[in-house]
Amino acid sequence: MIVTLTPNPSVDRTVTLPRLERGAVLRATESREDPGGKGLNVSRALAANGTASTAVFPVGGIYGRLMLNLLEGEPVTLAAVPISEPIRANITIAETDGTTTKVNEPGPVLTAAEVDALREAALATSRDARWLVCCGSLPPGLDDTFYAELIGHCHTRGVRVAVDTSGEPMAAALVAKPALIKPNRIELAEAVGRQLTSIADVIDAASDLVAGGIETVVISLGRDGALLVDAAGAVHASSQIGCPVSTVGAGDALLAGYLHAVSTGADREAALRTAVAFGSAAVLLPGSSMPGPSDVAAISVTSTTTPDRSRSLDD
């Protein structure tokens, strides 16, 4: 079983427009609401593909009630922690050419007691889990070391930890040495303090983190696929897809695909191919929908253990 932790979940409202024009009155062609937050997306994608998952997250206010309603019927075990303030609502503007604009709220301010309750829920729920997956930003009230402290607790229990975050929470988590991190290229560049413009740059940056004690680094590269770097070297995987519908949650689906594959015994290259298939399938779905088995099966992925280090990456 895989436990995800989403300290700053959201109700994701997606509005589709032919074209975004600043200052204009625009008419949407479509709108939808989905449960959001990186960890919740990971749990939803895992469960949709047959891997048991429990999602730990705070819930409060009108959007908290809406979140629970949206999650009804999804095969995810919920460990919701009540809080006094409402969780956030994020807005995505999706243009028909595939361009996505996101407006993310900061999130609720958690009290000290609510922070303790969230921490205890994550630790209790993951006691017998294979993985605790710590995902996303931290809302006001949580210290930047929140994930790092959880990693320390999990090390003593033999629970593996994956982290997908950025900024100071990622910097603190790296010191605590999780088994897996899943940055995108920008987040990896931030973590190592230098620009990454080629496959070689990304591999070298991830290799530095592996040398520092991180077991596996999986980097999402958007249209350029994904890289996996560990002590055995690098793997690159990519797919060719048509026009994207929504990129929201694609990186979360990618992480879910990797965890799904390794949990079923896949080797590193096969796991990365599965990860890219999950992420690519998500791009072809509206809003923050997560792919199911038929969506994933429709994606063709190629991989290599000898990536082209000279290849430049798209901005």
Foldseek 3Di string as FASTA:
>chain_A
DEEEEFAAWAWEKEFEFQDDDPPDDGDTPDIDIATGGLRVLLQLQLQLAPHAYEYEYEAEDPRSVVNVVRCPPGRHHYDYQYFHDHHYYKYWYAHPQGDIDIDTDQTDAGDPVSLVVSLVSQCVVCLPPQEYEYGEDHHHNDDLLSLLVSLVVCVVRVHAYEYEYADSNVLNNLVSAGQEYEYEQVRLCRNQVHHDWFLLSVQVSVVVSQVVRHAWYWYQQVQQAIWIQGPVAIKGKHFDDDRFAYQPNLSSQLVSQLVSQVVVPHDPRVSSQSSRLQSVLCRNDHDRDGDHPVSSVVIDMDMDRDDDRGGTGDD
